[in-house]
Amino acid sequence: MKPRLTVGLPELLDEGSDLAFRELVADLFAAVAGMQALRRALAARVELSVGAFSVLLATRHLQARGAVPIRTLAQHLHAAPANITADVSALVRAGLLKKRDHPEDSRAVDVALTAKGGRVLDDLAPLLRRVNDRLFAGNTRAGIAAVAKFLKHLAVESKDAVRLVRTGP
C-alpha cells in the first residue's frame, strides 16, 4: 500500500510523491538539532546558559540599530518576554548587560552591552568567524537570502502549526 501524502501543496510534490519533501523536513530537523548543539557549545564556551548567550548576541545585533527594549529582544528571538527578562537579569548580575529606563515609555526597559559583555563577544568573534565560514562555505548571497526568507516564514508559521497539531483532529 502506498503511504498517504504528508503535504498537499502541488509545488512540494514531485510527480505526485512527497518523498523529496519528507527528506527536506528530515534535513530541517537535523539542521535545527545541529544549530542548537552549536549554540549550546558556544554558550558553554563563555560559561552562559543558551538563553543568556542568545540574548547577549541579540543585544549586540539589535543595539547597532538603536535602543533595545526587552520586547524587541523577545520578538527577535521568538521568545516570551518573561523568559527574556530572566536571561537579561542573569546577564545584568554577571556584568554583561546593563538596563536603563526607556526614554519614551516609562514601563519599558532598554538593555545594552557593558564593556565586559562586548569583550566576551569580541573574544569569541574569531571562533564564530571560523565556525560561520565553515557552515556557510559554498553558498551564494542569493541562496542564503532565499533560505533566510524561508526560515523566517517557518519561524512565524510554526506557532500556528503547533496550535493546529494540538487542536486538530
N, C-alpha and C. Protein backbone atom coordinates (compact mmCIF):
# COMPACT_ATOMS: atom_id res chain seq x y z
N MET A 1 0.84 -1.18 0.00
CA MET A 1 0.00 0.00 0.00
C MET A 1 0.89 1.25 0.00
N LYS A 2 0.54 2.20 -0.82
CA LYS A 2 1.28 3.45 -0.94
C LYS A 2 0.98 4.35 0.27
N PRO A 3 2.04 4.91 0.92
CA PRO A 3 1.78 5.77 2.08
C PRO A 3 1.00 7.03 1.68
N ARG A 4 0.22 7.53 2.62
CA ARG A 4 -0.55 8.76 2.36
C ARG A 4 0.42 9.94 2.27
N LEU A 5 0.05 10.92 1.47
CA LEU A 5 0.86 12.12 1.32
C LEU A 5 0.87 12.93 2.61
N THR A 6 2.00 13.52 2.91
CA THR A 6 2.13 14.36 4.10
C THR A 6 2.06 15.85 3.76
N VAL A 7 1.90 16.15 2.50
CA VAL A 7 1.77 17.54 2.05
C VAL A 7 0.85 17.53 0.83
N GLY A 8 0.03 18.57 0.73
CA GLY A 8 -0.90 18.64 -0.38
C GLY A 8 -0.59 19.74 -1.39
N LEU A 9 0.36 20.60 -1.08
CA LEU A 9 0.69 21.70 -1.98
C LEU A 9 1.39 21.15 -3.22
N PRO A 10 0.83 21.40 -4.39
CA PRO A 10 1.41 20.83 -5.62
C PRO A 10 2.88 21.19 -5.84
N GLU A 11 3.28 22.39 -5.43
CA GLU A 11 4.67 22.81 -5.64
C GLU A 11 5.65 22.03 -4.77
N LEU A 12 5.15 21.27 -3.80
CA LEU A 12 6.01 20.48 -2.94
C LEU A 12 5.98 18.99 -3.27
N LEU A 13 5.22 18.64 -4.30
CA LEU A 13 5.14 17.25 -4.75
C LEU A 13 5.98 17.08 -6.00
N ASP A 14 6.57 15.92 -6.12
CA ASP A 14 7.37 15.58 -7.29
C ASP A 14 6.71 14.37 -7.95
N GLU A 15 6.04 14.62 -9.05
CA GLU A 15 5.30 13.57 -9.75
C GLU A 15 4.36 12.84 -8.80
N GLY A 16 3.66 13.61 -7.96
CA GLY A 16 2.68 13.04 -7.03
C GLY A 16 3.28 12.44 -5.78
N SER A 17 4.58 12.52 -5.61
CA SER A 17 5.25 11.94 -4.44
C SER A 17 5.69 13.05 -3.49
N ASP A 18 5.62 12.74 -2.19
CA ASP A 18 6.12 13.69 -1.19
C ASP A 18 7.46 13.26 -0.60
N LEU A 19 8.13 12.32 -1.24
CA LEU A 19 9.39 11.80 -0.71
C LEU A 19 10.45 12.90 -0.57
N ALA A 20 10.63 13.71 -1.60
CA ALA A 20 11.63 14.79 -1.52
C ALA A 20 11.26 15.79 -0.42
N PHE A 21 9.97 16.05 -0.27
CA PHE A 21 9.52 16.95 0.80
C PHE A 21 9.85 16.36 2.17
N ARG A 22 9.60 15.07 2.34
CA ARG A 22 9.91 14.41 3.62
C ARG A 22 11.41 14.48 3.91
N GLU A 23 12.22 14.33 2.88
CA GLU A 23 13.67 14.44 3.07
C GLU A 23 14.05 15.86 3.49
N LEU A 24 13.39 16.85 2.90
CA LEU A 24 13.62 18.24 3.29
C LEU A 24 13.30 18.44 4.76
N VAL A 25 12.17 17.94 5.20
CA VAL A 25 11.77 18.10 6.60
C VAL A 25 12.77 17.39 7.52
N ALA A 26 13.21 16.20 7.15
CA ALA A 26 14.21 15.48 7.95
C ALA A 26 15.51 16.30 8.02
N ASP A 27 15.92 16.88 6.90
CA ASP A 27 17.13 17.71 6.89
C ASP A 27 16.95 18.97 7.73
N LEU A 28 15.75 19.55 7.70
CA LEU A 28 15.49 20.73 8.54
C LEU A 28 15.64 20.39 10.02
N PHE A 29 15.07 19.26 10.44
CA PHE A 29 15.19 18.86 11.84
C PHE A 29 16.65 18.58 12.19
N ALA A 30 17.39 17.94 11.29
CA ALA A 30 18.80 17.67 11.54
C ALA A 30 19.59 18.99 11.64
N ALA A 31 19.27 19.95 10.76
CA ALA A 31 19.95 21.24 10.79
C ALA A 31 19.64 22.00 12.08
N VAL A 32 18.38 21.98 12.48
CA VAL A 32 17.99 22.65 13.72
C VAL A 32 18.72 22.01 14.91
N ALA A 33 18.75 20.69 14.95
CA ALA A 33 19.45 20.00 16.05
C ALA A 33 20.93 20.37 16.05
N GLY A 34 21.54 20.43 14.88
CA GLY A 34 22.95 20.81 14.79
C GLY A 34 23.18 22.24 15.24
N MET A 35 22.30 23.14 14.84
CA MET A 35 22.45 24.54 15.24
C MET A 35 22.23 24.71 16.74
N GLN A 36 21.28 23.95 17.30
CA GLN A 36 21.07 24.01 18.75
C GLN A 36 22.29 23.48 19.50
N ALA A 37 22.88 22.40 19.00
CA ALA A 37 24.10 21.86 19.63
C ALA A 37 25.23 22.88 19.54
N LEU A 38 25.35 23.55 18.41
CA LEU A 38 26.37 24.57 18.24
C LEU A 38 26.14 25.72 19.22
N ARG A 39 24.90 26.17 19.35
CA ARG A 39 24.58 27.27 20.28
C ARG A 39 24.92 26.85 21.71
N ARG A 40 24.60 25.59 22.08
CA ARG A 40 24.93 25.09 23.43
C ARG A 40 26.45 25.10 23.64
N ALA A 41 27.21 24.66 22.64
CA ALA A 41 28.67 24.61 22.76
C ALA A 41 29.25 26.01 22.89
N LEU A 42 28.75 26.95 22.11
CA LEU A 42 29.24 28.32 22.18
C LEU A 42 28.89 28.95 23.54
N ALA A 43 27.67 28.71 24.00
CA ALA A 43 27.25 29.25 25.30
C ALA A 43 28.14 28.68 26.41
N ALA A 44 28.41 27.38 26.35
CA ALA A 44 29.26 26.75 27.36
C ALA A 44 30.67 27.33 27.31
N ARG A 45 31.12 27.66 26.12
CA ARG A 45 32.47 28.22 25.95
C ARG A 45 32.64 29.52 26.72
N VAL A 46 31.55 30.30 26.82
CA VAL A 46 31.62 31.57 27.56
C VAL A 46 30.89 31.47 28.90
N GLU A 47 30.60 30.24 29.31
CA GLU A 47 30.01 29.95 30.62
C GLU A 47 28.68 30.66 30.84
N LEU A 48 27.81 30.58 29.83
CA LEU A 48 26.46 31.13 29.92
C LEU A 48 25.44 30.05 29.57
N SER A 49 24.21 30.27 30.01
CA SER A 49 23.13 29.40 29.55
C SER A 49 22.87 29.71 28.08
N VAL A 50 22.21 28.80 27.40
CA VAL A 50 21.90 29.03 25.99
C VAL A 50 21.02 30.27 25.84
N GLY A 51 20.03 30.41 26.72
CA GLY A 51 19.15 31.58 26.65
C GLY A 51 19.91 32.88 26.86
N ALA A 52 20.76 32.92 27.87
CA ALA A 52 21.53 34.13 28.14
C ALA A 52 22.47 34.45 26.99
N PHE A 53 23.10 33.42 26.43
CA PHE A 53 24.01 33.64 25.30
C PHE A 53 23.23 34.20 24.10
N SER A 54 22.05 33.66 23.86
CA SER A 54 21.22 34.15 22.75
C SER A 54 20.84 35.61 22.96
N VAL A 55 20.50 35.96 24.18
CA VAL A 55 20.15 37.35 24.49
C VAL A 55 21.36 38.26 24.31
N LEU A 56 22.52 37.81 24.75
CA LEU A 56 23.73 38.62 24.60
C LEU A 56 24.03 38.88 23.11
N LEU A 57 23.98 37.83 22.30
CA LEU A 57 24.21 38.00 20.86
C LEU A 57 23.15 38.91 20.23
N ALA A 58 21.90 38.70 20.59
CA ALA A 58 20.82 39.51 20.01
C ALA A 58 20.95 40.97 20.41
N THR A 59 21.37 41.21 21.64
CA THR A 59 21.56 42.60 22.08
C THR A 59 22.62 43.29 21.24
N ARG A 60 23.74 42.61 21.01
CA ARG A 60 24.80 43.19 20.18
C ARG A 60 24.24 43.51 18.79
N HIS A 61 23.52 42.57 18.21
CA HIS A 61 22.96 42.75 16.87
C HIS A 61 21.97 43.91 16.83
N LEU A 62 21.05 43.93 17.78
CA LEU A 62 19.98 44.93 17.75
C LEU A 62 20.43 46.31 18.17
N GLN A 63 21.41 46.42 19.06
CA GLN A 63 21.80 47.76 19.51
C GLN A 63 22.53 48.53 18.42
N ALA A 64 22.96 47.86 17.37
CA ALA A 64 23.55 48.57 16.24
C ALA A 64 22.49 49.44 15.55
N ARG A 65 21.22 49.11 15.76
CA ARG A 65 20.11 49.87 15.17
C ARG A 65 19.54 50.91 16.11
N GLY A 66 19.92 50.87 17.38
CA GLY A 66 19.39 51.82 18.36
C GLY A 66 19.07 51.14 19.67
N ALA A 67 18.16 51.75 20.42
CA ALA A 67 17.77 51.23 21.74
C ALA A 67 17.20 49.82 21.60
N VAL A 68 17.38 49.01 22.65
CA VAL A 68 16.94 47.62 22.62
C VAL A 68 15.99 47.35 23.80
N PRO A 69 14.70 47.57 23.61
CA PRO A 69 13.74 47.19 24.65
C PRO A 69 13.63 45.67 24.75
N ILE A 70 13.25 45.19 25.92
CA ILE A 70 13.11 43.75 26.12
C ILE A 70 12.10 43.16 25.14
N ARG A 71 11.03 43.87 24.85
CA ARG A 71 10.03 43.33 23.91
C ARG A 71 10.63 43.14 22.51
N THR A 72 11.58 43.99 22.13
CA THR A 72 12.26 43.83 20.84
C THR A 72 13.14 42.59 20.85
N LEU A 73 13.84 42.37 21.96
CA LEU A 73 14.64 41.14 22.09
C LEU A 73 13.74 39.92 21.98
N ALA A 74 12.60 39.95 22.67
CA ALA A 74 11.68 38.82 22.65
C ALA A 74 11.17 38.56 21.23
N GLN A 75 10.82 39.60 20.52
CA GLN A 75 10.36 39.43 19.14
C GLN A 75 11.46 38.86 18.26
N HIS A 76 12.65 39.39 18.41
CA HIS A 76 13.79 38.95 17.60
C HIS A 76 14.11 37.48 17.84
N LEU A 77 14.02 37.06 19.09
CA LEU A 77 14.35 35.69 19.46
C LEU A 77 13.14 34.75 19.43
N HIS A 78 11.96 35.28 19.08
CA HIS A 78 10.74 34.48 19.04
C HIS A 78 10.52 33.79 20.39
N ALA A 79 10.63 34.58 21.45
CA ALA A 79 10.52 34.05 22.81
C ALA A 79 9.57 34.93 23.61
N ALA A 80 9.11 34.41 24.72
CA ALA A 80 8.24 35.16 25.62
C ALA A 80 9.05 36.23 26.34
N PRO A 81 8.50 37.43 26.47
CA PRO A 81 9.23 38.49 27.19
C PRO A 81 9.66 38.08 28.60
N ALA A 82 8.85 37.27 29.29
CA ALA A 82 9.21 36.84 30.65
C ALA A 82 10.50 36.02 30.64
N ASN A 83 10.67 35.17 29.62
CA ASN A 83 11.91 34.39 29.52
C ASN A 83 13.11 35.29 29.25
N ILE A 84 12.90 36.27 28.40
CA ILE A 84 13.98 37.21 28.07
C ILE A 84 14.35 38.02 29.31
N THR A 85 13.35 38.44 30.07
CA THR A 85 13.60 39.21 31.29
C THR A 85 14.47 38.43 32.26
N ALA A 86 14.20 37.14 32.40
CA ALA A 86 15.00 36.31 33.31
C ALA A 86 16.45 36.22 32.82
N ASP A 87 16.64 36.03 31.52
CA ASP A 87 18.01 35.97 30.99
C ASP A 87 18.71 37.32 31.11
N VAL A 88 17.98 38.40 30.85
CA VAL A 88 18.56 39.74 31.00
C VAL A 88 19.02 39.95 32.44
N SER A 89 18.20 39.55 33.39
CA SER A 89 18.56 39.73 34.81
C SER A 89 19.85 38.98 35.14
N ALA A 90 19.98 37.75 34.62
CA ALA A 90 21.20 36.98 34.86
C ALA A 90 22.41 37.67 34.23
N LEU A 91 22.23 38.23 33.04
CA LEU A 91 23.33 38.91 32.36
C LEU A 91 23.71 40.22 33.06
N VAL A 92 22.72 40.90 33.63
CA VAL A 92 23.00 42.11 34.39
C VAL A 92 23.80 41.74 35.64
N ARG A 93 23.38 40.67 36.34
CA ARG A 93 24.12 40.22 37.53
C ARG A 93 25.55 39.83 37.18
N ALA A 94 25.76 39.29 35.98
CA ALA A 94 27.11 38.88 35.55
C ALA A 94 27.92 40.06 35.04
N GLY A 95 27.30 41.24 34.94
CA GLY A 95 28.01 42.43 34.47
C GLY A 95 28.17 42.49 32.96
N LEU A 96 27.37 41.70 32.22
CA LEU A 96 27.49 41.67 30.76
C LEU A 96 26.50 42.58 30.06
N LEU A 97 25.39 42.88 30.72
CA LEU A 97 24.39 43.81 30.20
C LEU A 97 24.08 44.85 31.27
N LYS A 98 23.57 45.98 30.83
CA LYS A 98 23.06 46.98 31.76
C LYS A 98 21.65 47.36 31.31
N LYS A 99 20.83 47.71 32.27
CA LYS A 99 19.46 48.15 32.00
C LYS A 99 19.40 49.66 32.15
N ARG A 100 18.50 50.24 31.40
CA ARG A 100 18.23 51.68 31.58
C ARG A 100 16.77 51.92 31.22
N ASP A 101 16.21 52.97 31.80
CA ASP A 101 14.82 53.30 31.51
C ASP A 101 14.67 53.68 30.04
N HIS A 102 13.59 53.23 29.45
CA HIS A 102 13.30 53.60 28.06
C HIS A 102 12.93 55.08 28.05
N PRO A 103 13.50 55.86 27.13
CA PRO A 103 13.28 57.31 27.15
C PRO A 103 11.84 57.73 26.83
N GLU A 104 11.06 56.88 26.15
CA GLU A 104 9.71 57.28 25.73
C GLU A 104 8.60 56.50 26.42
N ASP A 105 8.93 55.38 27.06
CA ASP A 105 7.92 54.52 27.69
C ASP A 105 8.39 54.20 29.10
N SER A 106 7.74 54.80 30.08
CA SER A 106 8.18 54.64 31.47
C SER A 106 8.02 53.21 31.98
N ARG A 107 7.21 52.38 31.29
CA ARG A 107 7.03 50.99 31.70
C ARG A 107 8.09 50.07 31.10
N ALA A 108 8.80 50.55 30.09
CA ALA A 108 9.76 49.70 29.37
C ALA A 108 11.18 49.92 29.85
N VAL A 109 11.99 48.90 29.62
CA VAL A 109 13.41 48.93 29.98
C VAL A 109 14.21 48.60 28.74
N ASP A 110 15.25 49.37 28.48
CA ASP A 110 16.19 49.07 27.40
C ASP A 110 17.39 48.35 28.00
N VAL A 111 18.03 47.53 27.18
CA VAL A 111 19.25 46.87 27.62
C VAL A 111 20.37 47.21 26.64
N ALA A 112 21.59 47.13 27.14
CA ALA A 112 22.77 47.40 26.31
C ALA A 112 23.92 46.57 26.86
N LEU A 113 24.84 46.25 25.97
CA LEU A 113 26.04 45.55 26.40
C LEU A 113 26.87 46.45 27.29
N THR A 114 27.49 45.88 28.29
CA THR A 114 28.52 46.58 29.06
C THR A 114 29.84 46.37 28.32
N ALA A 115 30.87 47.05 28.77
CA ALA A 115 32.20 46.84 28.18
C ALA A 115 32.60 45.37 28.33
N LYS A 116 32.30 44.78 29.49
CA LYS A 116 32.62 43.37 29.72
C LYS A 116 31.84 42.47 28.75
N GLY A 117 30.57 42.76 28.54
CA GLY A 117 29.78 41.97 27.60
C GLY A 117 30.31 42.08 26.19
N GLY A 118 30.73 43.28 25.81
CA GLY A 118 31.33 43.48 24.49
C GLY A 118 32.62 42.69 24.33
N ARG A 119 33.43 42.67 25.41
CA ARG A 119 34.69 41.91 25.35
C ARG A 119 34.44 40.41 25.19
N VAL A 120 33.43 39.90 25.89
CA VAL A 120 33.11 38.46 25.77
C VAL A 120 32.81 38.13 24.32
N LEU A 121 31.99 38.95 23.67
CA LEU A 121 31.64 38.69 22.28
C LEU A 121 32.81 38.96 21.34
N ASP A 122 33.59 40.00 21.62
CA ASP A 122 34.76 40.28 20.78
C ASP A 122 35.77 39.15 20.85
N ASP A 123 35.97 38.61 22.05
CA ASP A 123 36.91 37.49 22.21
C ASP A 123 36.42 36.24 21.50
N LEU A 124 35.12 36.09 21.39
CA LEU A 124 34.53 34.92 20.73
C LEU A 124 34.48 35.08 19.21
N ALA A 125 34.60 36.30 18.72
CA ALA A 125 34.42 36.60 17.29
C ALA A 125 35.32 35.77 16.37
N PRO A 126 36.62 35.59 16.66
CA PRO A 126 37.44 34.78 15.75
C PRO A 126 36.93 33.34 15.61
N LEU A 127 36.48 32.76 16.71
CA LEU A 127 35.93 31.41 16.65
C LEU A 127 34.61 31.41 15.86
N LEU A 128 33.76 32.38 16.13
CA LEU A 128 32.50 32.48 15.39
C LEU A 128 32.74 32.63 13.89
N ARG A 129 33.76 33.41 13.56
CA ARG A 129 34.08 33.59 12.13
C ARG A 129 34.48 32.27 11.50
N ARG A 130 35.33 31.49 12.17
CA ARG A 130 35.74 30.18 11.63
C ARG A 130 34.54 29.24 11.50
N VAL A 131 33.69 29.23 12.52
CA VAL A 131 32.50 28.38 12.51
C VAL A 131 31.57 28.79 11.37
N ASN A 132 31.29 30.08 11.27
CA ASN A 132 30.38 30.56 10.22
C ASN A 132 30.95 30.35 8.82
N ASP A 133 32.25 30.56 8.68
CA ASP A 133 32.87 30.32 7.37
C ASP A 133 32.71 28.85 6.97
N ARG A 134 32.85 27.97 7.94
CA ARG A 134 32.69 26.54 7.63
C ARG A 134 31.23 26.20 7.32
N LEU A 135 30.31 26.71 8.13
CA LEU A 135 28.90 26.41 7.93
C LEU A 135 28.36 26.92 6.59
N PHE A 136 28.80 28.09 6.19
CA PHE A 136 28.18 28.74 5.04
C PHE A 136 29.04 28.74 3.78
N ALA A 137 30.19 28.07 3.82
CA ALA A 137 31.05 27.99 2.64
C ALA A 137 30.30 27.34 1.49
N GLY A 138 30.55 27.85 0.29
CA GLY A 138 29.96 27.27 -0.90
C GLY A 138 28.57 27.77 -1.23
N ASN A 139 28.05 28.68 -0.43
CA ASN A 139 26.73 29.23 -0.68
C ASN A 139 26.85 30.63 -1.26
N THR A 140 25.83 31.02 -1.99
CA THR A 140 25.83 32.37 -2.57
C THR A 140 24.99 33.31 -1.71
N ARG A 141 25.21 34.58 -1.87
CA ARG A 141 24.42 35.58 -1.16
C ARG A 141 22.93 35.41 -1.49
N ALA A 142 22.62 35.17 -2.76
CA ALA A 142 21.22 34.99 -3.17
C ALA A 142 20.63 33.73 -2.55
N GLY A 143 21.41 32.67 -2.51
CA GLY A 143 20.93 31.43 -1.90
C GLY A 143 20.67 31.59 -0.42
N ILE A 144 21.57 32.27 0.26
CA ILE A 144 21.40 32.49 1.69
C ILE A 144 20.19 33.40 1.94
N ALA A 145 19.99 34.40 1.10
CA ALA A 145 18.84 35.29 1.24
C ALA A 145 17.54 34.50 1.07
N ALA A 146 17.51 33.58 0.14
CA ALA A 146 16.31 32.75 -0.07
C ALA A 146 16.05 31.86 1.14
N VAL A 147 17.11 31.27 1.68
CA VAL A 147 16.96 30.42 2.87
C VAL A 147 16.50 31.27 4.06
N ALA A 148 17.06 32.46 4.21
CA ALA A 148 16.68 33.34 5.31
C ALA A 148 15.20 33.67 5.24
N LYS A 149 14.71 33.98 4.05
CA LYS A 149 13.29 34.28 3.87
C LYS A 149 12.44 33.06 4.23
N PHE A 150 12.86 31.90 3.77
CA PHE A 150 12.16 30.65 4.05
C PHE A 150 12.12 30.37 5.56
N LEU A 151 13.25 30.54 6.23
CA LEU A 151 13.32 30.26 7.66
C LEU A 151 12.49 31.25 8.48
N LYS A 152 12.45 32.52 8.07
CA LYS A 152 11.60 33.50 8.75
C LYS A 152 10.14 33.08 8.63
N HIS A 153 9.77 32.62 7.44
CA HIS A 153 8.40 32.14 7.22
C HIS A 153 8.10 30.95 8.15
N LEU A 154 9.02 29.99 8.23
CA LEU A 154 8.82 28.83 9.11
C LEU A 154 8.70 29.26 10.58
N ALA A 155 9.54 30.19 10.99
CA ALA A 155 9.50 30.65 12.38
C ALA A 155 8.15 31.26 12.72
N VAL A 156 7.59 32.04 11.81
CA VAL A 156 6.29 32.67 12.04
C VAL A 156 5.17 31.63 11.99
N GLU A 157 5.18 30.80 10.98
CA GLU A 157 4.09 29.84 10.78
C GLU A 157 4.12 28.67 11.75
N SER A 158 5.27 28.38 12.35
CA SER A 158 5.36 27.22 13.23
C SER A 158 4.44 27.35 14.44
N LYS A 159 4.21 28.56 14.92
CA LYS A 159 3.32 28.74 16.07
C LYS A 159 1.91 28.27 15.73
N ASP A 160 1.41 28.66 14.55
CA ASP A 160 0.08 28.22 14.15
C ASP A 160 0.06 26.72 13.83
N ALA A 161 1.16 26.20 13.32
CA ALA A 161 1.23 24.76 13.03
C ALA A 161 1.15 23.95 14.32
N VAL A 162 1.84 24.42 15.35
CA VAL A 162 1.77 23.73 16.65
C VAL A 162 0.35 23.79 17.19
N ARG A 163 -0.28 24.92 17.07
CA ARG A 163 -1.67 25.07 17.52
C ARG A 163 -2.58 24.10 16.75
N LEU A 164 -2.35 23.94 15.46
CA LEU A 164 -3.13 23.02 14.64
C LEU A 164 -2.96 21.56 15.12
N VAL A 165 -1.73 21.21 15.46
CA VAL A 165 -1.48 19.85 15.96
C VAL A 165 -2.20 19.63 17.29
N ARG A 166 -2.15 20.63 18.14
CA ARG A 166 -2.76 20.48 19.47
C ARG A 166 -4.29 20.49 19.45
N THR A 167 -4.87 21.15 18.47
CA THR A 167 -6.33 21.27 18.45
C THR A 167 -6.98 20.52 17.31
N GLY A 168 -6.17 20.02 16.37
CA GLY A 168 -6.71 19.35 15.18
C GLY A 168 -7.29 17.98 15.49
N PRO A 169 -7.82 17.35 14.45
CA PRO A 169 -8.45 16.03 14.61
C PRO A 169 -7.49 14.94 15.02
